[in-house]
PDB file of N, CA and C in Angstrom:
ATOM      1  N   ARG A   1      -0.081  -7.338 -14.245  1.00  0.00           N
ATOM      2  CA  ARG A   1      -0.912  -8.118 -15.943  1.00  0.00           C
ATOM      3  C   ARG A   1      -0.597  -6.767 -17.199  1.00  0.00           C
ATOM      4  N   SER A   2      -1.065  -5.851 -16.114  1.00  0.00           N
ATOM      5  CA  SER A   2      -1.415  -5.014 -17.749  1.00  0.00           C
ATOM      6  C   SER A   2      -0.114  -4.375 -17.715  1.00  0.00           C
ATOM      7  N   ILE A   3       0.937  -4.027 -17.390  1.00  0.00           N
ATOM      8  CA  ILE A   3       2.261  -4.126 -17.465  1.00  0.00           C
ATOM      9  C   ILE A   3       3.055  -5.200 -18.460  1.00  0.00           C
ATOM     10  N   ALA A   4       2.507  -5.995 -18.158  1.00  0.00           N
ATOM     11  CA  ALA A   4       3.450  -7.089 -18.913  1.00  0.00           C
ATOM     12  C   ALA A   4       2.695  -7.502 -20.319  1.00  0.00           C
ATOM     13  N   ALA A   5       1.573  -7.011 -20.256  1.00  0.00           N
ATOM     14  CA  ALA A   5       0.496  -7.114 -21.371  1.00  0.00           C
ATOM     15  C   ALA A   5       0.928  -5.517 -22.267  1.00  0.00           C
ATOM     16  N   GLY A   6       1.463  -4.528 -21.774  1.00  0.00           N
ATOM     17  CA  GLY A   6       1.437  -3.669 -22.127  1.00  0.00           C
ATOM     18  C   GLY A   6       0.205  -2.795 -22.696  1.00  0.00           C
ATOM     19  N   LYS A   7      -1.174  -3.541 -22.222  1.00  0.00           N
ATOM     20  CA  LYS A   7      -2.210  -2.915 -22.383  1.00  0.00           C
ATOM     21  C   LYS A   7      -3.140  -3.015 -21.078  1.00  0.00           C
ATOM     22  N   LEU A   8      -4.160  -2.375 -20.893  1.00  0.00           N
ATOM     23  CA  LEU A   8      -5.102  -2.270 -19.839  1.00  0.00           C
ATOM     24  C   LEU A   8      -5.693  -3.837 -19.627  1.00  0.00           C
ATOM     25  N   ILE A   9      -5.504  -4.291 -18.650  1.00  0.00           N
ATOM     26  CA  ILE A   9      -6.496  -5.325 -18.287  1.00  0.00           C
ATOM     27  C   ILE A   9      -7.371  -5.285 -17.124  1.00  0.00           C
ATOM     28  N   ALA A  10      -8.313  -5.449 -16.828  1.00  0.00           N
ATOM     29  CA  ALA A  10      -9.067  -5.268 -16.049  1.00  0.00           C
ATOM     30  C   ALA A  10      -9.514  -6.445 -15.261  1.00  0.00           C
ATOM     31  N   ASN A  11      -9.400  -6.417 -13.413  1.00  0.00           N
ATOM     32  CA  ASN A  11      -9.693  -7.897 -13.375  1.00  0.00           C
ATOM     33  C   ASN A  11     -11.395  -7.990 -13.119  1.00  0.00           C
ATOM     34  N   GLU A  12     -11.359  -9.559 -12.722  1.00  0.00           N
ATOM     35  CA  GLU A  12     -12.954  -9.995 -13.060  1.00  0.00           C
ATOM     36  C   GLU A  12     -13.545  -9.573 -11.740  1.00  0.00           C
ATOM     37  N   GLN A  13     -12.932 -10.141 -10.558  1.00  0.00           N
ATOM     38  CA  GLN A  13     -13.336  -9.437  -9.428  1.00  0.00           C
ATOM     39  C   GLN A  13     -12.779  -8.322  -8.499  1.00  0.00           C
ATOM     40  N   GLU A  14     -13.377  -7.738  -7.438  1.00  0.00           N
ATOM     41  CA  GLU A  14     -12.566  -6.379  -6.320  1.00  0.00           C
ATOM     42  C   GLU A  14     -11.521  -7.318  -5.765  1.00  0.00           C
ATOM     43  N   PRO A  15     -10.327  -6.691  -5.510  1.00  0.00           N
ATOM     44  CA  PRO A  15      -8.760  -7.441  -4.823  1.00  0.00           C
ATOM     45  C   PRO A  15      -9.382  -7.455  -3.796  1.00  0.00           C
ATOM     46  N   GLN A  16      -9.547  -8.619  -2.488  1.00  0.00           N
ATOM     47  CA  GLN A  16      -9.803  -8.593  -1.321  1.00  0.00           C
ATOM     48  C   GLN A  16      -8.560  -7.937  -0.617  1.00  0.00           C
ATOM     49  N   THR A  17      -8.619  -7.153  -0.349  1.00  0.00           N
ATOM     50  CA  THR A  17      -7.038  -7.218   0.363  1.00  0.00           C
ATOM     51  C   THR A  17      -7.441  -5.713   1.525  1.00  0.00           C
ATOM     52  N   LEU A  18      -6.995  -5.462   2.540  1.00  0.00           N
ATOM     53  CA  LEU A  18      -7.051  -4.702   3.632  1.00  0.00           C
ATOM     54  C   LEU A  18      -6.884  -3.157   2.942  1.00  0.00           C
ATOM     55  N   ALA A  19      -5.956  -2.747   2.004  1.00  0.00           N
ATOM     56  CA  ALA A  19      -6.150  -1.398   1.882  1.00  0.00           C
ATOM     57  C   ALA A  19      -6.905  -1.227   0.665  1.00  0.00           C
ATOM     58  N   ASP A  20      -8.220  -0.537   0.990  1.00  0.00           N
ATOM     59  CA  ASP A  20      -9.584  -0.493   0.541  1.00  0.00           C
ATOM     60  C   ASP A  20      -9.448   0.046  -0.864  1.00  0.00           C
ATOM     61  N   GLY A  21      -8.609   1.543  -0.750  1.00  0.00           N
ATOM     62  CA  GLY A  21      -8.385   2.145  -1.579  1.00  0.00           C
ATOM     63  C   GLY A  21      -7.663   1.811  -2.853  1.00  0.00           C
ATOM     64  N   ALA A  22      -6.810   0.806  -2.984  1.00  0.00           N
ATOM     65  CA  ALA A  22      -7.071  -0.262  -3.726  1.00  0.00           C
ATOM     66  C   ALA A  22      -7.315  -0.921  -4.542  1.00  0.00           C
ATOM     67  N   ARG A  23      -8.621  -1.842  -3.899  1.00  0.00           N
ATOM     68  CA  ARG A  23      -9.818  -2.336  -4.132  1.00  0.00           C
ATOM     69  C   ARG A  23     -10.367  -1.985  -5.281  1.00  0.00           C
ATOM     70  N   THR A  24      -9.963  -2.268  -6.810  1.00  0.00           N
ATOM     71  CA  THR A  24     -10.459  -1.292  -8.048  1.00  0.00           C
ATOM     72  C   THR A  24     -10.262  -2.925  -8.656  1.00  0.00           C
ATOM     73  N   LEU A  25     -11.512  -2.191 -10.095  1.00  0.00           N
ATOM     74  CA  LEU A  25     -11.275  -3.543 -11.004  1.00  0.00           C
ATOM     75  C   LEU A  25     -10.302  -3.146 -11.778  1.00  0.00           C
ATOM     76  N   SER A  26     -10.137  -2.044 -11.850  1.00  0.00           N
ATOM     77  CA  SER A  26      -8.910  -1.283 -12.721  1.00  0.00           C
ATOM     78  C   SER A  26      -8.797   0.369 -12.968  1.00  0.00           C
ATOM     79  N   VAL A  27      -7.089   0.688 -12.903  1.00  0.00           N
ATOM     80  CA  VAL A  27      -6.799   1.458 -12.964  1.00  0.00           C
ATOM     81  C   VAL A  27      -7.722   2.345 -14.131  1.00  0.00           C
ATOM     82  N   GLY A  28      -7.951   3.660 -13.823  1.00  0.00           N
ATOM     83  CA  GLY A  28      -8.457   4.323 -15.126  1.00  0.00           C
ATOM     84  C   GLY A  28      -7.361   4.974 -16.425  1.00  0.00           C
ATOM     85  N   ASP A  29      -8.400   4.777 -17.429  1.00  0.00           N
ATOM     86  CA  ASP A  29      -7.694   5.632 -18.583  1.00  0.00           C
ATOM     87  C   ASP A  29      -6.930   6.637 -18.667  1.00  0.00           C
ATOM     88  N   LEU A  30      -7.196   7.525 -17.388  1.00  0.00           N
ATOM     89  CA  LEU A  30      -5.978   8.446 -17.694  1.00  0.00           C
ATOM     90  C   LEU A  30      -4.895   7.876 -16.762  1.00  0.00           C
ATOM     91  N   ASN A  31      -4.986   6.949 -15.723  1.00  0.00           N
ATOM     92  CA  ASN A  31      -4.111   7.062 -14.726  1.00  0.00           C
ATOM     93  C   ASN A  31      -3.390   6.075 -15.454  1.00  0.00           C
ATOM     94  N   TRP A  32      -4.330   5.189 -16.492  1.00  0.00           N
ATOM     95  CA  TRP A  32      -2.711   3.602 -17.317  1.00  0.00           C
ATOM     96  C   TRP A  32      -2.094   4.436 -18.672  1.00  0.00           C
ATOM     97  N   ALA A  33      -2.402   5.487 -18.882  1.00  0.00           N
ATOM     98  CA  ALA A  33      -1.755   6.673 -19.559  1.00  0.00           C
ATOM     99  C   ALA A  33      -0.815   6.911 -19.220  1.00  0.00           C
ATOM    100  N   ILE A  34      -0.269   6.893 -18.177  1.00  0.00           N
ATOM    101  CA  ILE A  34       0.704   7.557 -17.069  1.00  0.00           C
ATOM    102  C   ILE A  34       1.617   6.573 -17.104  1.00  0.00           C
ATOM    103  N   LEU A  35       0.893   5.540 -16.284  1.00  0.00           N
ATOM    104  CA  LEU A  35       1.329   4.372 -15.359  1.00  0.00           C
ATOM    105  C   LEU A  35       2.304   3.429 -16.591  1.00  0.00           C
ATOM    106  N   LYS A  36       1.812   3.671 -17.799  1.00  0.00           N
ATOM    107  CA  LYS A  36       2.564   2.380 -18.386  1.00  0.00           C
ATOM    108  C   LYS A  36       3.686   2.524 -19.446  1.00  0.00           C
ATOM    109  N   ASN A  37       3.726   3.933 -19.472  1.00  0.00           N
ATOM    110  CA  ASN A  37       5.468   4.342 -19.664  1.00  0.00           C
ATOM    111  C   ASN A  37       5.931   5.090 -18.252  1.00  0.00           C
ATOM    112  N   GLY A  38       5.382   4.680 -18.037  1.00  0.00           N
ATOM    113  CA  GLY A  38       6.275   6.066 -16.719  1.00  0.00           C
ATOM    114  C   GLY A  38       6.888   5.278 -14.999  1.00  0.00           C
ATOM    115  N   LEU A  39       6.325   3.968 -15.531  1.00  0.00           N
ATOM    116  CA  LEU A  39       6.694   2.872 -14.493  1.00  0.00           C
ATOM    117  C   LEU A  39       7.918   2.143 -14.444  1.00  0.00           C
ATOM    118  N   ALA A  40       8.905   2.223 -12.982  1.00  0.00           N
ATOM    119  CA  ALA A  40      10.262   1.669 -13.294  1.00  0.00           C
ATOM    120  C   ALA A  40      10.235   0.225 -12.587  1.00  0.00           C
ATOM    121  N   GLY A  41       8.894   0.252 -11.972  1.00  0.00           N
ATOM    122  CA  GLY A  41       8.216  -1.518 -11.582  1.00  0.00           C
ATOM    123  C   GLY A  41       6.891  -1.528 -10.880  1.00  0.00           C
ATOM    124  N   VAL A  42       6.906  -2.400 -10.668  1.00  0.00           N
ATOM    125  CA  VAL A  42       5.788  -2.658  -9.652  1.00  0.00           C
ATOM    126  C   VAL A  42       6.437  -3.434  -8.135  1.00  0.00           C
ATOM    127  N   ILE A  43       5.836  -2.802  -7.426  1.00  0.00           N
ATOM    128  CA  ILE A  43       6.112  -3.831  -5.841  1.00  0.00           C
ATOM    129  C   ILE A  43       4.524  -4.475  -5.797  1.00  0.00           C
ATOM    130  N   GLU A  44       4.603  -6.170  -5.530  1.00  0.00           N
ATOM    131  CA  GLU A  44       3.241  -6.254  -4.657  1.00  0.00           C
ATOM    132  C   GLU A  44       3.395  -6.401  -3.246  1.00  0.00           C
ATOM    133  N   VAL A  45       2.418  -5.823  -2.347  1.00  0.00           N
ATOM    134  CA  VAL A  45       2.645  -5.773  -1.096  1.00  0.00           C
ATOM    135  C   VAL A  45       1.900  -6.784   0.075  1.00  0.00           C
ATOM    136  N   PRO A  46       2.454  -7.521   0.667  1.00  0.00           N
ATOM    137  CA  PRO A  46       1.448  -8.719   1.119  1.00  0.00           C
ATOM    138  C   PRO A  46       0.895  -7.918   2.698  1.00  0.00           C
ATOM    139  N   GLU A  47      -0.295  -8.266   2.734  1.00  0.00           N
ATOM    140  CA  GLU A  47      -0.864  -7.450   4.016  1.00  0.00           C
ATOM    141  C   GLU A  47      -0.353  -7.584   5.169  1.00  0.00           C
ATOM    142  N   GLU A  48       0.129  -8.406   5.545  1.00  0.00           N
ATOM    143  CA  GLU A  48       0.950  -8.084   6.607  1.00  0.00           C
ATOM    144  C   GLU A  48       1.496  -6.685   7.025  1.00  0.00           C
ATOM    145  N   LYS A  49       2.570  -6.742   5.872  1.00  0.00           N
ATOM    146  CA  LYS A  49       3.849  -5.084   5.552  1.00  0.00           C
ATOM    147  C   LYS A  49       2.827  -4.036   5.466  1.00  0.00           C
ATOM    148  N   ILE A  50       1.440  -4.761   4.766  1.00  0.00           N
ATOM    149  CA  ILE A  50       0.626  -3.378   4.851  1.00  0.00           C
ATOM    150  C   ILE A  50       0.497  -2.837   6.566  1.00  0.00           C
ATOM    151  N   ALA A  51       0.041  -4.133   7.690  1.00  0.00           N
ATOM    152  CA  ALA A  51      -0.573  -3.668   8.653  1.00  0.00           C
ATOM    153  C   ALA A  51       0.738  -2.903   9.410  1.00  0.00           C
ATOM    154  N   GLU A  52       2.061  -3.697   9.126  1.00  0.00           N
ATOM    155  CA  GLU A  52       3.301  -3.127   9.621  1.00  0.00           C
ATOM    156  C   GLU A  52       3.534  -2.051   9.885  1.00  0.00           C
ATOM    157  N   GLY A  53       3.323  -1.453   8.215  1.00  0.00           N
ATOM    158  CA  GLY A  53       3.522  -0.011   7.964  1.00  0.00           C
ATOM    159  C   GLY A  53       2.716   1.013   8.645  1.00  0.00           C
ATOM    160  N   LEU A  54       1.260   0.334   8.749  1.00  0.00           N
ATOM    161  CA  LEU A  54       0.528   1.428   9.492  1.00  0.00           C
ATOM    162  C   LEU A  54       0.540   1.681  10.751  1.00  0.00           C
ATOM    163  N   ARG A  55       1.185  -0.032  11.310  1.00  0.00           N
ATOM    164  CA  ARG A  55       1.468   0.284  13.025  1.00  0.00           C
ATOM    165  C   ARG A  55       2.941   1.339  12.871  1.00  0.00           C
ATOM    166  N   MET A  56       3.590   1.455  11.789  1.00  0.00           N
ATOM    167  CA  MET A  56       4.805   1.902  12.259  1.00  0.00           C
ATOM    168  C   MET A  56       4.579   3.658  12.415  1.00  0.00           C
ATOM    169  N   TYR A  57       3.415   3.870  11.441  1.00  0.00           N
ATOM    170  CA  TYR A  57       3.611   5.227  11.233  1.00  0.00           C
ATOM    171  C   TYR A  57       2.544   5.588  12.589  1.00  0.00           C
ATOM    172  N   PHE A  58       1.688   4.997  13.283  1.00  0.00           N
ATOM    173  CA  PHE A  58       1.241   4.841  14.667  1.00  0.00           C
ATOM    174  C   PHE A  58       2.518   4.889  15.834  1.00  0.00           C
ATOM    175  N   GLU A  59       3.463   3.919  15.781  1.00  0.00           N
ATOM    176  CA  GLU A  59       4.308   4.175  17.004  1.00  0.00           C
ATOM    177  C   GLU A  59       5.191   5.179  16.836  1.00  0.00           C
ATOM    178  N   PHE A  60       5.679   5.395  15.764  1.00  0.00           N
ATOM    179  CA  PHE A  60       6.917   6.068  15.467  1.00  0.00           C
ATOM    180  C   PHE A  60       7.056   7.458  14.900  1.00  0.00           C
ATOM    181  N   ALA A  61       5.591   7.731  14.258  1.00  0.00           N
ATOM    182  CA  ALA A  61       5.480   9.114  13.770  1.00  0.00           C
ATOM    183  C   ALA A  61       3.856  10.095  14.166  1.00  0.00           C
ATOM    184  N   ASN A  62       3.133   9.136  15.396  1.00  0.00           N
ATOM    185  CA  ASN A  62       2.048   9.628  15.775  1.00  0.00           C
ATOM    186  C   ASN A  62       1.194   9.897  14.785  1.00  0.00           C
ATOM    187  N   LEU A  63       1.167   8.742  13.561  1.00  0.00           N
ATOM    188  CA  LEU A  63       0.391   9.185  12.077  1.00  0.00           C
ATOM    189  C   LEU A  63      -0.538   8.207  12.086  1.00  0.00           C
ATOM    190  N   LYS A  64      -2.017   8.620  11.837  1.00  0.00           N
ATOM    191  CA  LYS A  64      -3.002   7.986  12.076  1.00  0.00           C
ATOM    192  C   LYS A  64      -3.186   8.078  10.275  1.00  0.00           C
ATOM    193  N   CYS A  65      -2.873   6.548   9.406  1.00  0.00           N
ATOM    194  CA  CYS A  65      -3.301   6.686   8.448  1.00  0.00           C
ATOM    195  C   CYS A  65      -4.262   5.512   7.863  1.00  0.00           C
ATOM    196  N   GLU A  66      -4.665   5.679   6.546  1.00  0.00           N
ATOM    197  CA  GLU A  66      -5.477   4.313   6.311  1.00  0.00           C
ATOM    198  C   GLU A  66      -4.415   3.554   5.246  1.00  0.00           C
ATOM    199  N   PRO A  67      -4.767   2.076   5.634  1.00  0.00           N
ATOM    200  CA  PRO A  67      -3.847   1.209   5.071  1.00  0.00           C
ATOM    201  C   PRO A  67      -3.504   1.722   3.503  1.00  0.00           C
ATOM    202  N   THR A  68      -3.986   2.141   2.710  1.00  0.00           N
ATOM    203  CA  THR A  68      -4.026   2.305   1.786  1.00  0.00           C
ATOM    204  C   THR A  68      -2.692   3.357   1.633  1.00  0.00           C
ATOM    205  N   GLY A  69      -3.114   3.941   2.470  1.00  0.00           N
ATOM    206  CA  GLY A  69      -1.668   5.286   2.910  1.00  0.00           C
ATOM    207  C   GLY A  69      -0.428   4.601   3.542  1.00  0.00           C
ATOM    208  N   ALA A  70      -0.579   3.744   3.881  1.00  0.00           N
ATOM    209  CA  ALA A  70       0.423   2.497   4.475  1.00  0.00           C
ATOM    210  C   ALA A  70       1.049   1.818   3.690  1.00  0.00           C
ATOM    211  N   LEU A  71       0.579   1.607   1.886  1.00  0.00           N
ATOM    212  CA  LEU A  71       1.586   0.894   0.963  1.00  0.00           C
ATOM    213  C   LEU A  71       2.392   1.188   0.619  1.00  0.00           C
ATOM    214  N   PRO A  72       2.937   2.387   0.774  1.00  0.00           N
ATOM    215  CA  PRO A  72       4.299   2.784   0.269  1.00  0.00           C
ATOM    216  C   PRO A  72       5.458   2.685   1.376  1.00  0.00           C
ATOM    217  N   LEU A  73       5.112   2.710   2.581  1.00  0.00           N
ATOM    218  CA  LEU A  73       6.218   2.085   3.760  1.00  0.00           C
ATOM    219  C   LEU A  73       5.890   0.522   3.664  1.00  0.00           C
ATOM    220  N   GLY A  74       5.097  -0.150   3.081  1.00  0.00           N
ATOM    221  CA  GLY A  74       4.477  -1.534   3.383  1.00  0.00           C
ATOM    222  C   GLY A  74       5.631  -2.547   1.801  1.00  0.00           C
ATOM    223  N   ALA A  75       6.228  -1.463   0.774  1.00  0.00           N
ATOM    224  CA  ALA A  75       6.439  -1.840   0.124  1.00  0.00           C
ATOM    225  C   ALA A  75       8.211  -2.202   0.055  1.00  0.00           C
ATOM    226  N   ILE A  76       8.357  -0.988   1.118  1.00  0.00           N
ATOM    227  CA  ILE A  76       9.750  -0.449   1.497  1.00  0.00           C
ATOM    228  C   ILE A  76      10.187  -1.705   2.151  1.00  0.00           C
ATOM    229  N   LEU A  77       9.403  -2.200   3.196  1.00  0.00           N
ATOM    230  CA  LEU A  77       9.367  -3.188   4.345  1.00  0.00           C
ATOM    231  C   LEU A  77       9.594  -4.401   3.552  1.00  0.00           C
ATOM    232  N   GLN A  78       8.852  -4.966   2.799  1.00  0.00           N
ATOM    233  CA  GLN A  78       8.843  -5.866   1.584  1.00  0.00           C
ATOM    234  C   GLN A  78      10.268  -6.038   0.578  1.00  0.00           C
ATOM    235  N   ASN A  79      10.589  -4.934   0.608  1.00  0.00           N
ATOM    236  CA  ASN A  79      12.393  -4.892  -0.315  1.00  0.00           C
ATOM    237  C   ASN A  79      13.013  -4.029   0.066  1.00  0.00           C
ATOM    238  N   SER A  80      13.254  -4.100   1.738  1.00  0.00           N
ATOM    239  CA  SER A  80      14.258  -3.604   2.226  1.00  0.00           C
ATOM    240  C   SER A  80      16.156  -3.503   1.901  1.00  0.00           C
ATOM    241  N   ASP A  81      16.448  -4.498   1.133  1.00  0.00           N
ATOM    242  CA  ASP A  81      17.228  -4.836   0.569  1.00  0.00           C
ATOM    243  C   ASP A  81      17.377  -3.570  -0.507  1.00  0.00           C
ATOM    244  N   LYS A  82      16.167  -3.690  -1.287  1.00  0.00           N
ATOM    245  CA  LYS A  82      16.296  -2.799  -2.846  1.00  0.00           C
ATOM    246  C   LYS A  82      16.392  -1.406  -2.626  1.00  0.00           C
ATOM    247  N   PHE A  83      15.872  -1.012  -1.031  1.00  0.00           N
ATOM    248  CA  PHE A  83      16.148   0.743  -0.959  1.00  0.00           C
ATOM    249  C   PHE A  83      16.986   0.961  -0.085  1.00  0.00           C
ATOM    250  N   ARG A  84      18.107  -0.122   0.605  1.00  0.00           N
ATOM    251  CA  ARG A  84      18.730   0.254   1.491  1.00  0.00           C
ATOM    252  C   ARG A  84      19.829   1.062   0.929  1.00  0.00           C
ATOM    253  N   GLY A  85      20.129   2.335   1.857  1.00  0.00           N
ATOM    254  CA  GLY A  85      20.880   3.189   1.384  1.00  0.00           C
ATOM    255  C   GLY A  85      20.470   4.601   0.277  1.00  0.00           C
ATOM    256  N   GLU A  86      19.378   4.014  -0.088  1.00  0.00           N
ATOM    257  CA  GLU A  86      18.563   5.306  -1.398  1.00  0.00           C
ATOM    258  C   GLU A  86      17.843   5.919  -0.033  1.00  0.00           C
ATOM    259  N   LYS A  87      18.255   7.109  -0.637  1.00  0.00           N
ATOM    260  CA  LYS A  87      17.010   8.252   0.126  1.00  0.00           C
ATOM    261  C   LYS A  87      15.163   8.284  -1.146  1.00  0.00           C
ATOM    262  N   VAL A  88      14.388   7.814   0.189  1.00  0.00           N
ATOM    263  CA  VAL A  88      13.312   7.492  -0.303  1.00  0.00           C
ATOM    264  C   VAL A  88      12.074   9.021  -0.081  1.00  0.00           C
ATOM    265  N   CYS A  89      11.420   9.269  -0.513  1.00  0.00           N
ATOM    266  CA  CYS A  89      10.049  10.099  -0.429  1.00  0.00           C
ATOM    267  C   CYS A  89       9.244   8.682  -0.447  1.00  0.00           C
ATOM    268  N   LEU A  90       8.296   8.778   0.570  1.00  0.00           N
ATOM    269  CA  LEU A  90       6.797   8.538   0.793  1.00  0.00           C
ATOM    270  C   LEU A  90       5.933   9.257   0.776  1.00  0.00           C
ATOM    271  N   ILE A  91       4.845   9.389   0.281  1.00  0.00           N
ATOM    272  CA  ILE A  91       3.501  10.204   0.477  1.00  0.00           C
ATOM    273  C   ILE A  91       2.329   9.171   1.082  1.00  0.00           C
ATOM    274  N   VAL A  92       2.165   9.819   2.013  1.00  0.00           N
ATOM    275  CA  VAL A  92       1.409   9.200   2.920  1.00  0.00           C
ATOM    276  C   VAL A  92       0.183  10.245   3.310  1.00  0.00           C
ATOM    277  N   SER A  93      -1.314   9.108   2.797  1.00  0.00           N
ATOM    278  CA  SER A  93      -2.443  10.024   2.690  1.00  0.00           C
ATOM    279  C   SER A  93      -3.407   9.580   3.060  1.00  0.00           C
ATOM    280  N   GLY A  94      -4.414  10.217   3.444  1.00  0.00           N
ATOM    281  CA  GLY A  94      -5.330   9.012   3.993  1.00  0.00           C
ATOM    282  C   GLY A  94      -6.015   8.925   5.081  1.00  0.00           C
ATOM    283  N   GLY A  95      -6.956   9.108   6.634  1.00  0.00           N
ATOM    284  CA  GLY A  95      -6.731   8.855   7.522  1.00  0.00           C
ATOM    285  C   GLY A  95      -8.402   8.368   7.794  1.00  0.00           C
ATOM    286  N   ASN A  96      -8.911   8.461   6.659  1.00  0.00           N
ATOM    287  CA  ASN A  96     -10.205   7.746   6.596  1.00  0.00           C
ATOM    288  C   ASN A  96     -10.471   5.905   6.478  1.00  0.00           C
ATOM    289  N   VAL A  97     -10.387   5.846   7.725  1.00  0.00           N
ATOM    290  CA  VAL A  97     -10.284   4.000   7.964  1.00  0.00           C
ATOM    291  C   VAL A  97     -11.447   4.094   9.047  1.00  0.00           C
ATOM    292  N   ASP A  98     -11.602   2.535   8.797  1.00  0.00           N
ATOM    293  CA  ASP A  98     -13.123   1.987   9.729  1.00  0.00           C
ATOM    294  C   ASP A  98     -12.172   1.987  11.303  1.00  0.00           C
ATOM    295  N   ALA A  99     -12.754   2.497  12.317  1.00  0.00           N
ATOM    296  CA  ALA A  99     -12.698   2.559  13.488  1.00  0.00           C
ATOM    297  C   ALA A  99     -11.974   1.222  14.321  1.00  0.00           C
ATOM    298  N   ALA A 100     -13.194   0.784  14.194  1.00  0.00           N
ATOM    299  CA  ALA A 100     -12.975  -0.780  14.453  1.00  0.00           C
ATOM    300  C   ALA A 100     -11.457  -1.327  13.879  1.00  0.00           C
ATOM    301  N   VAL A 101     -11.261  -1.608  12.466  1.00  0.00           N
ATOM    302  CA  VAL A 101     -10.599  -1.816  11.633  1.00  0.00           C
ATOM    303  C   VAL A 101      -8.678  -1.757  12.175  1.00  0.00           C
ATOM    304  N   TYR A 102      -8.986   0.032  12.358  1.00  0.00           N
ATOM    305  CA  TYR A 102      -7.481   0.638  13.088  1.00  0.00           C
ATOM    306  C   TYR A 102      -6.907   0.146  14.572  1.00  0.00           C
ATOM    307  N   ALA A 103      -8.527   0.255  15.489  1.00  0.00           N
ATOM    308  CA  ALA A 103      -8.125  -0.060  16.400  1.00  0.00           C
ATOM    309  C   ALA A 103      -7.251  -1.849  16.358  1.00  0.00           C
ATOM    310  N   GLY A 104      -8.081  -2.167  16.082  1.00  0.00           N
ATOM    311  CA  GLY A 104      -7.225  -4.198  15.785  1.00  0.00           C
ATOM    312  C   GLY A 104      -6.323  -4.175  15.626  1.00  0.00           C
ATOM    313  N   LEU A 105      -5.453  -3.267  14.161  1.00  0.00           N
ATOM    314  CA  LEU A 105      -4.551  -3.293  14.154  1.00  0.00           C
ATOM    315  C   LEU A 105      -3.614  -2.782  14.596  1.00  0.00           C
ATOM    316  N   ILE A 106      -3.993  -2.153  15.531  1.00  0.00           N
ATOM    317  CA  ILE A 106      -3.044  -1.312  16.053  1.00  0.00           C
ATOM    318  C   ILE A 106      -2.749  -2.174  17.420  1.00  0.00           C
ATOM    319  N   ALA A 107      -3.851  -2.602  17.956  1.00  0.00           N
ATOM    320  CA  ALA A 107      -3.637  -4.011  19.315  1.00  0.00           C
ATOM    321  C   ALA A 107      -3.019  -4.930  18.811  1.00  0.00           C
ATOM    322  N   GLU A 108      -2.064  -5.340  17.298  1.00  0.00           N
ATOM    323  CA  GLU A 108      -1.602  -6.513  17.267  1.00  0.00           C
ATOM    324  C   GLU A 108      -0.657  -6.347  17.884  1.00  0.00           C
ATOM    325  N   ARG A 109       0.211  -5.217  17.052  1.00  0.00           N
ATOM    326  CA  ARG A 109       0.949  -4.708  17.373  1.00  0.00           C
ATOM    327  C   ARG A 109       1.554  -4.543  18.776  1.00  0.00           C
ATOM    328  N   ALA A 110       0.456  -4.176  19.819  1.00  0.00           N
ATOM    329  CA  ALA A 110       0.749  -3.958  21.110  1.00  0.00           C
ATOM    330  C   ALA A 110       0.583  -5.490  22.056  1.00  0.00           C
ATOM    331  N   ALA A 111      -0.388  -6.152  21.288  1.00  0.00           N
ATOM    332  CA  ALA A 111      -0.545  -7.623  21.938  1.00  0.00           C
ATOM    333  C   ALA A 111       0.986  -8.533  21.891  1.00  0.00           C
ATOM    334  N   ALA A 112       2.242  -7.761  20.217  1.00  0.00           N
ATOM    335  CA  ALA A 112       2.838  -8.299  20.119  1.00  0.00           C
ATOM    336  C   ALA A 112       4.068  -8.198  21.103  1.00  0.00           C
ATOM    337  N   VAL A 113       4.209  -6.906  21.520  1.00  0.00           N
ATOM    338  CA  VAL A 113       4.970  -6.283  22.465  1.00  0.00           C
ATOM    339  C   VAL A 113       5.074  -7.092  23.773  1.00  0.00           C
TER     340      VAL A 113
END
């Protein structure tokens, strides 16, 4: 909404998402100054793609990351055609995740196999 409006618009309530690091009413003024002129676009990532990305990091890279850290991979999974054949660098950060939430997300994959 902020990008479309050209000005910072705060959410009225905290977004409900698995990616707790993205639960914010608004980006900060310093971030907004960079984002408003530097973004090529925004990709909305559904919860199931965040969880799928988290499980892929665990399964294929033996990497524990928090759901917010899996957002970039979730964006690739959500828009695979857009990134096909491209070289992509993802920054994965954060391992501070509730143990029960993490175990539940990993167990979802194990149950599906």
